[in-house]
Amino acid sequence: MKPAVQPALLFQALAESNFHTVDILIISTFQRLKIFKYY
C-alpha cells in the first residue's frame, strides 16, 4: 500500500472487503501470543 493512503479510505476498504484478511491477522496474532506464552 502507499504510505499516503488516508485512514478513512483504509478503514472503508477494511470494512468493505477485507474481513477475511482481518480475521487471518487476528488469528495469527493470537497464535503468536500463544507461542510467546509457551516460550
Protein backbone atom coordinates (compact mmCIF):
# COMPACT_ATOMS: atom_id res chain seq x y z
CA MET A 1 0.00 0.00 0.00
CA LYS A 2 1.01 3.59 -0.50
CA PRO A 3 2.13 5.36 2.70
CA ALA A 4 -0.10 8.33 1.79
CA VAL A 5 -3.37 6.36 1.97
CA GLN A 6 -5.96 8.24 4.01
CA PRO A 7 -7.07 6.45 7.21
CA ALA A 8 -10.73 6.88 6.27
CA LEU A 9 -10.23 5.19 2.90
CA LEU A 10 -8.20 2.45 4.55
CA PHE A 11 -10.90 1.89 7.17
CA GLN A 12 -13.57 1.82 4.47
CA ALA A 13 -11.61 -0.75 2.49
CA LEU A 14 -11.18 -2.89 5.59
CA ALA A 15 -14.87 -2.63 6.43
CA GLU A 16 -16.00 -3.43 2.90
CA SER A 17 -13.74 -6.15 1.56
CA ASN A 18 -11.01 -7.27 3.95
CA PHE A 19 -12.89 -9.06 6.73
CA HIS A 20 -11.15 -12.34 5.86
CA THR A 21 -7.75 -10.65 5.89
CA VAL A 22 -8.51 -9.10 9.28
CA ASP A 23 -9.61 -12.49 10.64
CA ILE A 24 -6.36 -14.05 9.43
CA LEU A 25 -4.34 -11.26 11.06
CA ILE A 26 -6.21 -11.65 14.36
CA ILE A 27 -5.82 -15.43 14.33
CA SER A 28 -2.11 -15.23 13.53
CA THR A 29 -1.67 -12.64 16.28
CA PHE A 30 -3.35 -14.91 18.82
CA GLN A 31 -1.18 -17.81 17.67
CA ARG A 32 1.92 -15.67 18.15
CA LEU A 33 0.75 -14.69 21.63
CA LYS A 34 0.27 -18.36 22.49
CA ILE A 35 3.76 -19.15 21.19
CA PHE A 36 5.23 -16.32 23.26
CA LYS A 37 3.38 -17.59 26.32
CA TYR A 38 4.80 -21.08 25.93
CA TYR A 39 8.38 -19.99 25.26
